[in-house]
Amino acid sequence: MSILTSMKEDSLVQFKLMLPAALKARVETAAKENRRSLSQEIVGTLEEKYPSRDTMIAEIEAKLKDLRQMEAEGRMQFRDAEGNLLSTDEVVQALFNGLASAKDANVPFPKPWFTIEKPSR
């Protein structure tokens, strides 16, 4: 349905509009490319620039729906990734197992650049 035919005939207002010639030529070119009349092109452009309240609400609701969907997908991905994470104890145990294996294999260790102090009780 075209822009102008979607409006009630009694809601249309006619007025004189003065445009610079170069602007009118650009709008006419756009109208031809979009297969619309000059009036339809101008109204369409103005509708994009100044959308109605209902249009803005619909766009916000659509974006909110998309955002909620993205959030749900992100939460599912996080839950999946969380199941693959090792606990701190598992990481420490794996390190100690690796150190023990290396020690048993007589792998030389470089001199540590840090020291670990035992907590005092």
PDB file of N, CA and C in Angstrom:
ATOM      1  N   MET A   1       0.860  -1.177   0.000  1.00  0.00           N
ATOM      2  CA  MET A   1       0.000   0.000   0.000  1.00  0.00           C
ATOM      3  C   MET A   1       0.904   1.236   0.000  1.00  0.00           C
ATOM      4  N   SER A   2       0.598   2.209  -0.822  1.00  0.00           N
ATOM      5  CA  SER A   2       1.441   3.394  -0.883  1.00  0.00           C
ATOM      6  C   SER A   2       1.204   4.283   0.323  1.00  0.00           C
ATOM      7  N   ILE A   3       2.130   5.177   0.525  1.00  0.00           N
ATOM      8  CA  ILE A   3       2.076   6.062   1.691  1.00  0.00           C
ATOM      9  C   ILE A   3       0.835   6.932   1.676  1.00  0.00           C
ATOM     10  N   LEU A   4       0.549   7.539   0.533  1.00  0.00           N
ATOM     11  CA  LEU A   4      -0.583   8.469   0.469  1.00  0.00           C
ATOM     12  C   LEU A   4      -1.923   7.753   0.476  1.00  0.00           C
ATOM     13  N   THR A   5      -1.990   6.559  -0.110  1.00  0.00           N
ATOM     14  CA  THR A   5      -3.277   5.859  -0.136  1.00  0.00           C
ATOM     15  C   THR A   5      -3.598   5.240   1.214  1.00  0.00           C
ATOM     16  N   SER A   6      -2.585   5.133   2.081  1.00  0.00           N
ATOM     17  CA  SER A   6      -2.851   4.581   3.410  1.00  0.00           C
ATOM     18  C   SER A   6      -3.475   5.632   4.329  1.00  0.00           C
ATOM     19  N   MET A   7      -3.438   6.887   3.934  1.00  0.00           N
ATOM     20  CA  MET A   7      -4.030   7.949   4.738  1.00  0.00           C
ATOM     21  C   MET A   7      -5.448   8.224   4.259  1.00  0.00           C
ATOM     22  N   LYS A   8      -6.290   8.602   5.175  1.00  0.00           N
ATOM     23  CA  LYS A   8      -7.654   8.967   4.787  1.00  0.00           C
ATOM     24  C   LYS A   8      -7.592  10.254   3.972  1.00  0.00           C
ATOM     25  N   GLU A   9      -8.445  10.325   2.997  1.00  0.00           N
ATOM     26  CA  GLU A   9      -8.454  11.486   2.105  1.00  0.00           C
ATOM     27  C   GLU A   9      -8.659  12.787   2.885  1.00  0.00           C
ATOM     28  N   ASP A  10      -9.487  12.764   3.922  1.00  0.00           N
ATOM     29  CA  ASP A  10      -9.750  13.992   4.669  1.00  0.00           C
ATOM     30  C   ASP A  10      -8.602  14.347   5.620  1.00  0.00           C
ATOM     31  N   SER A  11      -7.628  13.437   5.812  1.00  0.00           N
ATOM     32  CA  SER A  11      -6.498  13.762   6.678  1.00  0.00           C
ATOM     33  C   SER A  11      -5.333  14.368   5.894  1.00  0.00           C
ATOM     34  N   LEU A  12      -5.438  14.383   4.567  1.00  0.00           N
ATOM     35  CA  LEU A  12      -4.389  14.978   3.745  1.00  0.00           C
ATOM     36  C   LEU A  12      -4.520  16.491   3.756  1.00  0.00           C
ATOM     37  N   VAL A  13      -3.376  17.146   3.874  1.00  0.00           N
ATOM     38  CA  VAL A  13      -3.346  18.610   3.866  1.00  0.00           C
ATOM     39  C   VAL A  13      -2.436  19.028   2.717  1.00  0.00           C
ATOM     40  N   GLN A  14      -2.940  19.916   1.901  1.00  0.00           N
ATOM     41  CA  GLN A  14      -2.140  20.395   0.782  1.00  0.00           C
ATOM     42  C   GLN A  14      -1.578  21.770   1.149  1.00  0.00           C
ATOM     43  N   PHE A  15      -0.299  21.976   0.840  1.00  0.00           N
ATOM     44  CA  PHE A  15       0.300  23.285   1.068  1.00  0.00           C
ATOM     45  C   PHE A  15       1.429  23.494   0.069  1.00  0.00           C
ATOM     46  N   LYS A  16       1.813  24.737  -0.084  1.00  0.00           N
ATOM     47  CA  LYS A  16       2.871  25.073  -1.027  1.00  0.00           C
ATOM     48  C   LYS A  16       4.210  24.896  -0.322  1.00  0.00           C
ATOM     49  N   LEU A  17       5.138  24.262  -1.023  1.00  0.00           N
ATOM     50  CA  LEU A  17       6.451  24.001  -0.458  1.00  0.00           C
ATOM     51  C   LEU A  17       7.503  24.559  -1.410  1.00  0.00           C
ATOM     52  N   MET A  18       8.362  25.384  -0.863  1.00  0.00           N
ATOM     53  CA  MET A  18       9.445  25.963  -1.661  1.00  0.00           C
ATOM     54  C   MET A  18      10.718  25.161  -1.372  1.00  0.00           C
ATOM     55  N   LEU A  19      11.352  24.653  -2.450  1.00  0.00           N
ATOM     56  CA  LEU A  19      12.576  23.880  -2.325  1.00  0.00           C
ATOM     57  C   LEU A  19      13.649  24.469  -3.228  1.00  0.00           C
ATOM     58  N   PRO A  20      14.901  24.378  -2.819  1.00  0.00           N
ATOM     59  CA  PRO A  20      15.970  24.729  -3.753  1.00  0.00           C
ATOM     60  C   PRO A  20      15.913  23.768  -4.948  1.00  0.00           C
ATOM     61  N   ALA A  21      16.225  24.261  -6.121  1.00  0.00           N
ATOM     62  CA  ALA A  21      16.114  23.464  -7.346  1.00  0.00           C
ATOM     63  C   ALA A  21      16.957  22.194  -7.273  1.00  0.00           C
ATOM     64  N   ALA A  22      18.163  22.291  -6.723  1.00  0.00           N
ATOM     65  CA  ALA A  22      19.041  21.117  -6.646  1.00  0.00           C
ATOM     66  C   ALA A  22      18.441  20.051  -5.724  1.00  0.00           C
ATOM     67  N   LEU A  23      17.824  20.472  -4.626  1.00  0.00           N
ATOM     68  CA  LEU A  23      17.187  19.526  -3.714  1.00  0.00           C
ATOM     69  C   LEU A  23      15.994  18.850  -4.384  1.00  0.00           C
ATOM     70  N   LYS A  24      15.202  19.630  -5.088  1.00  0.00           N
ATOM     71  CA  LYS A  24      14.043  19.069  -5.785  1.00  0.00           C
ATOM     72  C   LYS A  24      14.495  18.026  -6.803  1.00  0.00           C
ATOM     73  N   ALA A  25      15.580  18.305  -7.494  1.00  0.00           N
ATOM     74  CA  ALA A  25      16.100  17.361  -8.489  1.00  0.00           C
ATOM     75  C   ALA A  25      16.539  16.056  -7.806  1.00  0.00           C
ATOM     76  N   ARG A  26      17.184  16.162  -6.642  1.00  0.00           N
ATOM     77  CA  ARG A  26      17.612  14.960  -5.920  1.00  0.00           C
ATOM     78  C   ARG A  26      16.403  14.142  -5.435  1.00  0.00           C
ATOM     79  N   VAL A  27      15.382  14.835  -4.960  1.00  0.00           N
ATOM     80  CA  VAL A  27      14.175  14.144  -4.483  1.00  0.00           C
ATOM     81  C   VAL A  27      13.465  13.477  -5.665  1.00  0.00           C
ATOM     82  N   GLU A  28      13.407  14.162  -6.799  1.00  0.00           N
ATOM     83  CA  GLU A  28      12.778  13.567  -7.993  1.00  0.00           C
ATOM     84  C   GLU A  28      13.538  12.316  -8.437  1.00  0.00           C
ATOM     85  N   THR A  29      14.858  12.369  -8.389  1.00  0.00           N
ATOM     86  CA  THR A  29      15.670  11.206  -8.751  1.00  0.00           C
ATOM     87  C   THR A  29      15.380  10.043  -7.808  1.00  0.00           C
ATOM     88  N   ALA A  30      15.335  10.335  -6.507  1.00  0.00           N
ATOM     89  CA  ALA A  30      15.035   9.291  -5.515  1.00  0.00           C
ATOM     90  C   ALA A  30      13.633   8.725  -5.741  1.00  0.00           C
ATOM     91  N   ALA A  31      12.683   9.596  -6.062  1.00  0.00           N
ATOM     92  CA  ALA A  31      11.304   9.148  -6.304  1.00  0.00           C
ATOM     93  C   ALA A  31      11.248   8.192  -7.490  1.00  0.00           C
ATOM     94  N   LYS A  32      11.978   8.513  -8.544  1.00  0.00           N
ATOM     95  CA  LYS A  32      12.010   7.623  -9.713  1.00  0.00           C
ATOM     96  C   LYS A  32      12.641   6.280  -9.360  1.00  0.00           C
ATOM     97  N   GLU A  33      13.746   6.326  -8.601  1.00  0.00           N
ATOM     98  CA  GLU A  33      14.426   5.088  -8.208  1.00  0.00           C
ATOM     99  C   GLU A  33      13.524   4.216  -7.322  1.00  0.00           C
ATOM    100  N   ASN A  34      12.716   4.852  -6.488  1.00  0.00           N
ATOM    101  CA  ASN A  34      11.829   4.131  -5.572  1.00  0.00           C
ATOM    102  C   ASN A  34      10.436   3.884  -6.162  1.00  0.00           C
ATOM    103  N   ARG A  35      10.262   4.326  -7.413  1.00  0.00           N
ATOM    104  CA  ARG A  35       8.982   4.167  -8.124  1.00  0.00           C
ATOM    105  C   ARG A  35       7.827   4.769  -7.322  1.00  0.00           C
ATOM    106  N   ARG A  36       8.068   6.006  -6.887  1.00  0.00           N
ATOM    107  CA  ARG A  36       7.039   6.735  -6.147  1.00  0.00           C
ATOM    108  C   ARG A  36       6.881   8.118  -6.762  1.00  0.00           C
ATOM    109  N   SER A  37       5.761   8.742  -6.441  1.00  0.00           N
ATOM    110  CA  SER A  37       5.564  10.123  -6.882  1.00  0.00           C
ATOM    111  C   SER A  37       6.433  11.030  -6.016  1.00  0.00           C
ATOM    112  N   LEU A  38       6.573  12.253  -6.440  1.00  0.00           N
ATOM    113  CA  LEU A  38       7.341  13.222  -5.677  1.00  0.00           C
ATOM    114  C   LEU A  38       6.732  13.397  -4.281  1.00  0.00           C
ATOM    115  N   SER A  39       5.405  13.505  -4.212  1.00  0.00           N
ATOM    116  CA  SER A  39       4.731  13.640  -2.912  1.00  0.00           C
ATOM    117  C   SER A  39       4.976  12.423  -2.028  1.00  0.00           C
ATOM    118  N   GLN A  40       4.878  11.237  -2.599  1.00  0.00           N
ATOM    119  CA  GLN A  40       5.104  10.018  -1.816  1.00  0.00           C
ATOM    120  C   GLN A  40       6.542   9.954  -1.303  1.00  0.00           C
ATOM    121  N   GLU A  41       7.473  10.375  -2.118  1.00  0.00           N
ATOM    122  CA  GLU A  41       8.881  10.364  -1.711  1.00  0.00           C
ATOM    123  C   GLU A  41       9.112  11.336  -0.552  1.00  0.00           C
ATOM    124  N   ILE A  42       8.542  12.527  -0.659  1.00  0.00           N
ATOM    125  CA  ILE A  42       8.697  13.524   0.403  1.00  0.00           C
ATOM    126  C   ILE A  42       8.041  13.034   1.698  1.00  0.00           C
ATOM    127  N   VAL A  43       6.815  12.504   1.581  1.00  0.00           N
ATOM    128  CA  VAL A  43       6.113  11.999   2.773  1.00  0.00           C
ATOM    129  C   VAL A  43       6.884  10.826   3.379  1.00  0.00           C
ATOM    130  N   GLY A  44       7.367   9.921   2.552  1.00  0.00           N
ATOM    131  CA  GLY A  44       8.139   8.777   3.043  1.00  0.00           C
ATOM    132  C   GLY A  44       9.395   9.209   3.790  1.00  0.00           C
ATOM    133  N   THR A  45      10.099  10.179   3.228  1.00  0.00           N
ATOM    134  CA  THR A  45      11.308  10.692   3.858  1.00  0.00           C
ATOM    135  C   THR A  45      10.985  11.367   5.189  1.00  0.00           C
ATOM    136  N   LEU A  46       9.911  12.147   5.205  1.00  0.00           N
ATOM    137  CA  LEU A  46       9.510  12.807   6.453  1.00  0.00           C
ATOM    138  C   LEU A  46       9.063  11.788   7.500  1.00  0.00           C
ATOM    139  N   GLU A  47       8.395  10.723   7.064  1.00  0.00           N
ATOM    140  CA  GLU A  47       7.973   9.674   8.004  1.00  0.00           C
ATOM    141  C   GLU A  47       9.179   8.986   8.642  1.00  0.00           C
ATOM    142  N   GLU A  48      10.231   8.779   7.853  1.00  0.00           N
ATOM    143  CA  GLU A  48      11.454   8.180   8.398  1.00  0.00           C
ATOM    144  C   GLU A  48      12.105   9.113   9.420  1.00  0.00           C
ATOM    145  N   LYS A  49      12.151  10.383   9.096  1.00  0.00           N
ATOM    146  CA  LYS A  49      12.792  11.366   9.976  1.00  0.00           C
ATOM    147  C   LYS A  49      11.961  11.651  11.214  1.00  0.00           C
ATOM    148  N   TYR A  50      10.648  11.682  11.073  1.00  0.00           N
ATOM    149  CA  TYR A  50       9.732  12.014  12.166  1.00  0.00           C
ATOM    150  C   TYR A  50       8.676  10.916  12.316  1.00  0.00           C
ATOM    151  N   PRO A  51       9.082   9.747  12.828  1.00  0.00           N
ATOM    152  CA  PRO A  51       8.122   8.645  12.944  1.00  0.00           C
ATOM    153  C   PRO A  51       7.039   8.952  13.976  1.00  0.00           C
ATOM    154  N   SER A  52       5.906   8.314  13.797  1.00  0.00           N
ATOM    155  CA  SER A  52       4.810   8.494  14.750  1.00  0.00           C
ATOM    156  C   SER A  52       5.167   7.804  16.065  1.00  0.00           C
ATOM    157  N   ARG A  53       4.452   8.158  17.101  1.00  0.00           N
ATOM    158  CA  ARG A  53       4.664   7.560  18.421  1.00  0.00           C
ATOM    159  C   ARG A  53       4.467   6.047  18.346  1.00  0.00           C
ATOM    160  N   ASP A  54       3.420   5.611  17.654  1.00  0.00           N
ATOM    161  CA  ASP A  54       3.147   4.175  17.525  1.00  0.00           C
ATOM    162  C   ASP A  54       4.287   3.447  16.815  1.00  0.00           C
ATOM    163  N   THR A  55       4.854   4.082  15.799  1.00  0.00           N
ATOM    164  CA  THR A  55       5.976   3.484  15.077  1.00  0.00           C
ATOM    165  C   THR A  55       7.186   3.353  15.993  1.00  0.00           C
ATOM    166  N   MET A  56       7.465   4.410  16.757  1.00  0.00           N
ATOM    167  CA  MET A  56       8.609   4.362  17.672  1.00  0.00           C
ATOM    168  C   MET A  56       8.416   3.286  18.739  1.00  0.00           C
ATOM    169  N   ILE A  57       7.201   3.165  19.278  1.00  0.00           N
ATOM    170  CA  ILE A  57       6.922   2.143  20.292  1.00  0.00           C
ATOM    171  C   ILE A  57       7.110   0.756  19.701  1.00  0.00           C
ATOM    172  N   ALA A  58       6.617   0.547  18.490  1.00  0.00           N
ATOM    173  CA  ALA A  58       6.765  -0.758  17.831  1.00  0.00           C
ATOM    174  C   ALA A  58       8.245  -1.086  17.600  1.00  0.00           C
ATOM    175  N   GLU A  59       9.036  -0.100  17.195  1.00  0.00           N
ATOM    176  CA  GLU A  59      10.462  -0.332  16.977  1.00  0.00           C
ATOM    177  C   GLU A  59      11.171  -0.657  18.289  1.00  0.00           C
ATOM    178  N   ILE A  60      10.822   0.066  19.352  1.00  0.00           N
ATOM    179  CA  ILE A  60      11.427  -0.190  20.662  1.00  0.00           C
ATOM    180  C   ILE A  60      11.055  -1.583  21.152  1.00  0.00           C
ATOM    181  N   GLU A  61       9.789  -1.962  20.991  1.00  0.00           N
ATOM    182  CA  GLU A  61       9.352  -3.296  21.407  1.00  0.00           C
ATOM    183  C   GLU A  61      10.078  -4.388  20.629  1.00  0.00           C
ATOM    184  N   ALA A  62      10.279  -4.167  19.335  1.00  0.00           N
ATOM    185  CA  ALA A  62      10.999  -5.149  18.510  1.00  0.00           C
ATOM    186  C   ALA A  62      12.458  -5.264  18.968  1.00  0.00           C
ATOM    187  N   LYS A  63      13.088  -4.134  19.251  1.00  0.00           N
ATOM    188  CA  LYS A  63      14.480  -4.158  19.718  1.00  0.00           C
ATOM    189  C   LYS A  63      14.571  -4.807  21.089  1.00  0.00           C
ATOM    190  N   LEU A  64      13.602  -4.542  21.949  1.00  0.00           N
ATOM    191  CA  LEU A  64      13.576  -5.156  23.278  1.00  0.00           C
ATOM    192  C   LEU A  64      13.422  -6.668  23.162  1.00  0.00           C
ATOM    193  N   LYS A  65      12.577  -7.123  22.240  1.00  0.00           N
ATOM    194  CA  LYS A  65      12.400  -8.563  22.016  1.00  0.00           C
ATOM    195  C   LYS A  65      13.719  -9.189  21.567  1.00  0.00           C
ATOM    196  N   ASP A  66      14.404  -8.517  20.624  1.00  0.00           N
ATOM    197  CA  ASP A  66      15.694  -9.009  20.144  1.00  0.00           C
ATOM    198  C   ASP A  66      16.711  -9.061  21.287  1.00  0.00           C
ATOM    199  N   LEU A  67      16.722  -8.029  22.107  1.00  0.00           N
ATOM    200  CA  LEU A  67      17.658  -7.962  23.230  1.00  0.00           C
ATOM    201  C   LEU A  67      17.389  -9.090  24.227  1.00  0.00           C
ATOM    202  N   ARG A  68      16.113  -9.347  24.516  1.00  0.00           N
ATOM    203  CA  ARG A  68      15.773 -10.446  25.423  1.00  0.00           C
ATOM    204  C   ARG A  68      16.193 -11.787  24.843  1.00  0.00           C
ATOM    205  N   GLN A  69      16.037 -11.959  23.532  1.00  0.00           N
ATOM    206  CA  GLN A  69      16.457 -13.193  22.877  1.00  0.00           C
ATOM    207  C   GLN A  69      17.972 -13.354  22.969  1.00  0.00           C
ATOM    208  N   MET A  70      18.711 -12.256  22.728  1.00  0.00           N
ATOM    209  CA  MET A  70      20.160 -12.304  22.822  1.00  0.00           C
ATOM    210  C   MET A  70      20.599 -12.632  24.254  1.00  0.00           C
ATOM    211  N   GLU A  71      19.899 -12.051  25.228  1.00  0.00           N
ATOM    212  CA  GLU A  71      20.219 -12.322  26.630  1.00  0.00           C
ATOM    213  C   GLU A  71      20.007 -13.801  26.947  1.00  0.00           C
ATOM    214  N   ALA A  72      18.885 -14.352  26.500  1.00  0.00           N
ATOM    215  CA  ALA A  72      18.589 -15.766  26.755  1.00  0.00           C
ATOM    216  C   ALA A  72      19.643 -16.662  26.111  1.00  0.00           C
ATOM    217  N   GLU A  73      20.026 -16.346  24.877  1.00  0.00           N
ATOM    218  CA  GLU A  73      21.062 -17.137  24.199  1.00  0.00           C
ATOM    219  C   GLU A  73      22.393 -17.018  24.931  1.00  0.00           C
ATOM    220  N   GLY A  74      22.716 -15.812  25.389  1.00  0.00           N
ATOM    221  CA  GLY A  74      23.961 -15.603  26.130  1.00  0.00           C
ATOM    222  C   GLY A  74      23.975 -16.379  27.434  1.00  0.00           C
ATOM    223  N   ARG A  75      22.838 -16.394  28.124  1.00  0.00           N
ATOM    224  CA  ARG A  75      22.753 -17.159  29.372  1.00  0.00           C
ATOM    225  C   ARG A  75      22.935 -18.654  29.114  1.00  0.00           C
ATOM    226  N   MET A  76      22.344 -19.160  28.029  1.00  0.00           N
ATOM    227  CA  MET A  76      22.502 -20.580  27.697  1.00  0.00           C
ATOM    228  C   MET A  76      23.966 -20.885  27.373  1.00  0.00           C
ATOM    229  N   GLN A  77      24.616 -20.009  26.618  1.00  0.00           N
ATOM    230  CA  GLN A  77      26.027 -20.225  26.284  1.00  0.00           C
ATOM    231  C   GLN A  77      26.889 -20.177  27.534  1.00  0.00           C
ATOM    232  N   PHE A  78      26.548 -19.269  28.451  1.00  0.00           N
ATOM    233  CA  PHE A  78      27.309 -19.165  29.696  1.00  0.00           C
ATOM    234  C   PHE A  78      27.153 -20.442  30.508  1.00  0.00           C
ATOM    235  N   ARG A  79      25.895 -20.943  30.606  1.00  0.00           N
ATOM    236  CA  ARG A  79      25.662 -22.179  31.356  1.00  0.00           C
ATOM    237  C   ARG A  79      26.437 -23.338  30.738  1.00  0.00           C
ATOM    238  N   ASP A  80      26.459 -23.403  29.409  1.00  0.00           N
ATOM    239  CA  ASP A  80      27.209 -24.461  28.739  1.00  0.00           C
ATOM    240  C   ASP A  80      28.700 -24.336  29.039  1.00  0.00           C
ATOM    241  N   ALA A  81      29.227 -23.132  28.970  1.00  0.00           N
ATOM    242  CA  ALA A  81      30.647 -22.897  29.228  1.00  0.00           C
ATOM    243  C   ALA A  81      30.976 -23.150  30.693  1.00  0.00           C
ATOM    244  N   GLU A  82      30.080 -22.767  31.575  1.00  0.00           N
ATOM    245  CA  GLU A  82      30.305 -22.930  33.004  1.00  0.00           C
ATOM    246  C   GLU A  82      30.474 -24.409  33.348  1.00  0.00           C
ATOM    247  N   GLY A  83      29.728 -25.276  32.676  1.00  0.00           N
ATOM    248  CA  GLY A  83      29.848 -26.710  32.912  1.00  0.00           C
ATOM    249  C   GLY A  83      31.203 -27.250  32.507  1.00  0.00           C
ATOM    250  N   ASN A  84      31.893 -26.543  31.603  1.00  0.00           N
ATOM    251  CA  ASN A  84      33.206 -26.986  31.140  1.00  0.00           C
ATOM    252  C   ASN A  84      34.356 -26.409  31.965  1.00  0.00           C
ATOM    253  N   LEU A  85      34.047 -25.520  32.903  1.00  0.00           N
ATOM    254  CA  LEU A  85      35.090 -24.896  33.704  1.00  0.00           C
ATOM    255  C   LEU A  85      35.550 -25.822  34.825  1.00  0.00           C
ATOM    256  N   LEU A  86      36.823 -25.736  35.134  1.00  0.00           N
ATOM    257  CA  LEU A  86      37.364 -26.486  36.256  1.00  0.00           C
ATOM    258  C   LEU A  86      37.284 -25.620  37.506  1.00  0.00           C
ATOM    259  N   SER A  87      37.104 -26.258  38.631  1.00  0.00           N
ATOM    260  CA  SER A  87      37.123 -25.512  39.884  1.00  0.00           C
ATOM    261  C   SER A  87      38.574 -25.173  40.214  1.00  0.00           C
ATOM    262  N   THR A  88      38.772 -24.251  41.144  1.00  0.00           N
ATOM    263  CA  THR A  88      40.123 -23.883  41.569  1.00  0.00           C
ATOM    264  C   THR A  88      40.849 -25.108  42.109  1.00  0.00           C
ATOM    265  N   ASP A  89      40.152 -25.921  42.883  1.00  0.00           N
ATOM    266  CA  ASP A  89      40.771 -27.133  43.433  1.00  0.00           C
ATOM    267  C   ASP A  89      41.226 -28.074  42.326  1.00  0.00           C
ATOM    268  N   GLU A  90      40.414 -28.198  41.264  1.00  0.00           N
ATOM    269  CA  GLU A  90      40.784 -29.075  40.156  1.00  0.00           C
ATOM    270  C   GLU A  90      42.023 -28.552  39.426  1.00  0.00           C
ATOM    271  N   VAL A  91      42.112 -27.230  39.273  1.00  0.00           N
ATOM    272  CA  VAL A  91      43.274 -26.628  38.613  1.00  0.00           C
ATOM    273  C   VAL A  91      44.526 -26.856  39.449  1.00  0.00           C
ATOM    274  N   VAL A  92      44.425 -26.589  40.764  1.00  0.00           N
ATOM    275  CA  VAL A  92      45.572 -26.785  41.661  1.00  0.00           C
ATOM    276  C   VAL A  92      45.990 -28.256  41.646  1.00  0.00           C
ATOM    277  N   GLN A  93      45.032 -29.156  41.709  1.00  0.00           N
ATOM    278  CA  GLN A  93      45.350 -30.584  41.689  1.00  0.00           C
ATOM    279  C   GLN A  93      46.057 -30.963  40.395  1.00  0.00           C
ATOM    280  N   ALA A  94      45.579 -30.432  39.257  1.00  0.00           N
ATOM    281  CA  ALA A  94      46.215 -30.723  37.974  1.00  0.00           C
ATOM    282  C   ALA A  94      47.648 -30.192  37.948  1.00  0.00           C
ATOM    283  N   LEU A  95      47.871 -29.018  38.521  1.00  0.00           N
ATOM    284  CA  LEU A  95      49.230 -28.468  38.581  1.00  0.00           C
ATOM    285  C   LEU A  95      50.140 -29.345  39.428  1.00  0.00           C
ATOM    286  N   PHE A  96      49.652 -29.735  40.595  1.00  0.00           N
ATOM    287  CA  PHE A  96      50.458 -30.591  41.465  1.00  0.00           C
ATOM    288  C   PHE A  96      50.740 -31.936  40.803  1.00  0.00           C
ATOM    289  N   ASN A  97      49.743 -32.488  40.126  1.00  0.00           N
ATOM    290  CA  ASN A  97      49.965 -33.755  39.417  1.00  0.00           C
ATOM    291  C   ASN A  97      51.023 -33.590  38.338  1.00  0.00           C
ATOM    292  N   GLY A  98      50.963 -32.455  37.626  1.00  0.00           N
ATOM    293  CA  GLY A  98      51.962 -32.189  36.595  1.00  0.00           C
ATOM    294  C   GLY A  98      53.348 -32.013  37.181  1.00  0.00           C
ATOM    295  N   LEU A  99      53.427 -31.313  38.307  1.00  0.00           N
ATOM    296  CA  LEU A  99      54.724 -31.125  38.970  1.00  0.00           C
ATOM    297  C   LEU A  99      55.276 -32.454  39.465  1.00  0.00           C
ATOM    298  N   ALA A 100      54.386 -33.267  40.052  1.00  0.00           N
ATOM    299  CA  ALA A 100      54.830 -34.574  40.554  1.00  0.00           C
ATOM    300  C   ALA A 100      55.320 -35.444  39.403  1.00  0.00           C
ATOM    301  N   SER A 101      54.634 -35.426  38.288  1.00  0.00           N
ATOM    302  CA  SER A 101      55.038 -36.219  37.127  1.00  0.00           C
ATOM    303  C   SER A 101      56.387 -35.745  36.597  1.00  0.00           C
ATOM    304  N   ALA A 102      56.555 -34.417  36.551  1.00  0.00           N
ATOM    305  CA  ALA A 102      57.821 -33.869  36.062  1.00  0.00           C
ATOM    306  C   ALA A 102      58.959 -34.205  37.007  1.00  0.00           C
ATOM    307  N   LYS A 103      58.702 -34.154  38.319  1.00  0.00           N
ATOM    308  CA  LYS A 103      59.728 -34.479  39.303  1.00  0.00           C
ATOM    309  C   LYS A 103      60.121 -35.951  39.177  1.00  0.00           C
ATOM    310  N   ASP A 104      59.093 -36.811  39.026  1.00  0.00           N
ATOM    311  CA  ASP A 104      59.365 -38.243  38.875  1.00  0.00           C
ATOM    312  C   ASP A 104      60.167 -38.530  37.607  1.00  0.00           C
ATOM    313  N   ALA A 105      59.994 -37.708  36.592  1.00  0.00           N
ATOM    314  CA  ALA A 105      60.708 -37.906  35.330  1.00  0.00           C
ATOM    315  C   ALA A 105      62.054 -37.191  35.338  1.00  0.00           C
ATOM    316  N   ASN A 106      62.453 -36.629  36.486  1.00  0.00           N
ATOM    317  CA  ASN A 106      63.720 -35.904  36.636  1.00  0.00           C
ATOM    318  C   ASN A 106      63.855 -34.742  35.655  1.00  0.00           C
ATOM    319  N   VAL A 107      62.736 -34.029  35.445  1.00  0.00           N
ATOM    320  CA  VAL A 107      62.764 -32.845  34.592  1.00  0.00           C
ATOM    321  C   VAL A 107      63.307 -31.696  35.419  1.00  0.00           C
ATOM    322  N   PRO A 108      64.371 -31.020  34.942  1.00  0.00           N
ATOM    323  CA  PRO A 108      64.920 -29.913  35.733  1.00  0.00           C
ATOM    324  C   PRO A 108      63.955 -28.724  35.737  1.00  0.00           C
ATOM    325  N   PHE A 109      63.806 -28.119  36.883  1.00  0.00           N
ATOM    326  CA  PHE A 109      62.944 -26.944  37.019  1.00  0.00           C
ATOM    327  C   PHE A 109      63.809 -25.708  37.103  1.00  0.00           C
ATOM    328  N   PRO A 110      63.402 -24.630  36.452  1.00  0.00           N
ATOM    329  CA  PRO A 110      64.160 -23.388  36.613  1.00  0.00           C
ATOM    330  C   PRO A 110      63.971 -22.864  38.028  1.00  0.00           C
ATOM    331  N   LYS A 111      64.908 -22.023  38.432  1.00  0.00           N
ATOM    332  CA  LYS A 111      64.813 -21.436  39.767  1.00  0.00           C
ATOM    333  C   LYS A 111      63.550 -20.578  39.824  1.00  0.00           C
ATOM    334  N   PRO A 112      62.731 -20.780  40.858  1.00  0.00           N
ATOM    335  CA  PRO A 112      61.493 -19.987  40.934  1.00  0.00           C
ATOM    336  C   PRO A 112      61.788 -18.506  41.114  1.00  0.00           C
ATOM    337  N   TRP A 113      60.992 -17.697  40.513  1.00  0.00           N
ATOM    338  CA  TRP A 113      61.123 -16.246  40.638  1.00  0.00           C
ATOM    339  C   TRP A 113      60.210 -15.696  41.718  1.00  0.00           C
ATOM    340  N   PHE A 114      59.562 -16.595  42.444  1.00  0.00           N
ATOM    341  CA  PHE A 114      58.679 -16.176  43.533  1.00  0.00           C
ATOM    342  C   PHE A 114      58.773 -17.213  44.642  1.00  0.00           C
ATOM    343  N   THR A 115      58.327 -16.823  45.807  1.00  0.00           N
ATOM    344  CA  THR A 115      58.277 -17.759  46.918  1.00  0.00           C
ATOM    345  C   THR A 115      56.868 -17.807  47.468  1.00  0.00           C
ATOM    346  N   ILE A 116      56.521 -18.966  47.951  1.00  0.00           N
ATOM    347  CA  ILE A 116      55.203 -19.147  48.562  1.00  0.00           C
ATOM    348  C   ILE A 116      55.437 -19.368  50.047  1.00  0.00           C
ATOM    349  N   GLU A 117      54.892 -18.493  50.816  1.00  0.00           N
ATOM    350  CA  GLU A 117      55.039 -18.617  52.261  1.00  0.00           C
ATOM    351  C   GLU A 117      53.840 -19.337  52.833  1.00  0.00           C
ATOM    352  N   LYS A 118      54.133 -20.199  53.808  1.00  0.00           N
ATOM    353  CA  LYS A 118      53.058 -20.900  54.486  1.00  0.00           C
ATOM    354  C   LYS A 118      52.382 -19.912  55.440  1.00  0.00           C
ATOM    355  N   PRO A 119      51.067 -19.957  55.489  1.00  0.00           N
ATOM    356  CA  PRO A 119      50.396 -19.060  56.429  1.00  0.00           C
ATOM    357  C   PRO A 119      50.701 -19.465  57.869  1.00  0.00           C
ATOM    358  N   SER A 120      50.911 -18.469  58.698  1.00  0.00           N
ATOM    359  CA  SER A 120      51.186 -18.757  60.108  1.00  0.00           C
ATOM    360  C   SER A 120      49.875 -18.936  60.858  1.00  0.00           C
ATOM    361  N   ARG A 121      49.897 -19.858  61.809  1.00  0.00           N
ATOM    362  CA  ARG A 121      48.679 -20.137  62.572  1.00  0.00           C
ATOM    363  C   ARG A 121      48.837 -19.694  63.982  1.00  0.00           C
TER     364      ARG A 121
END
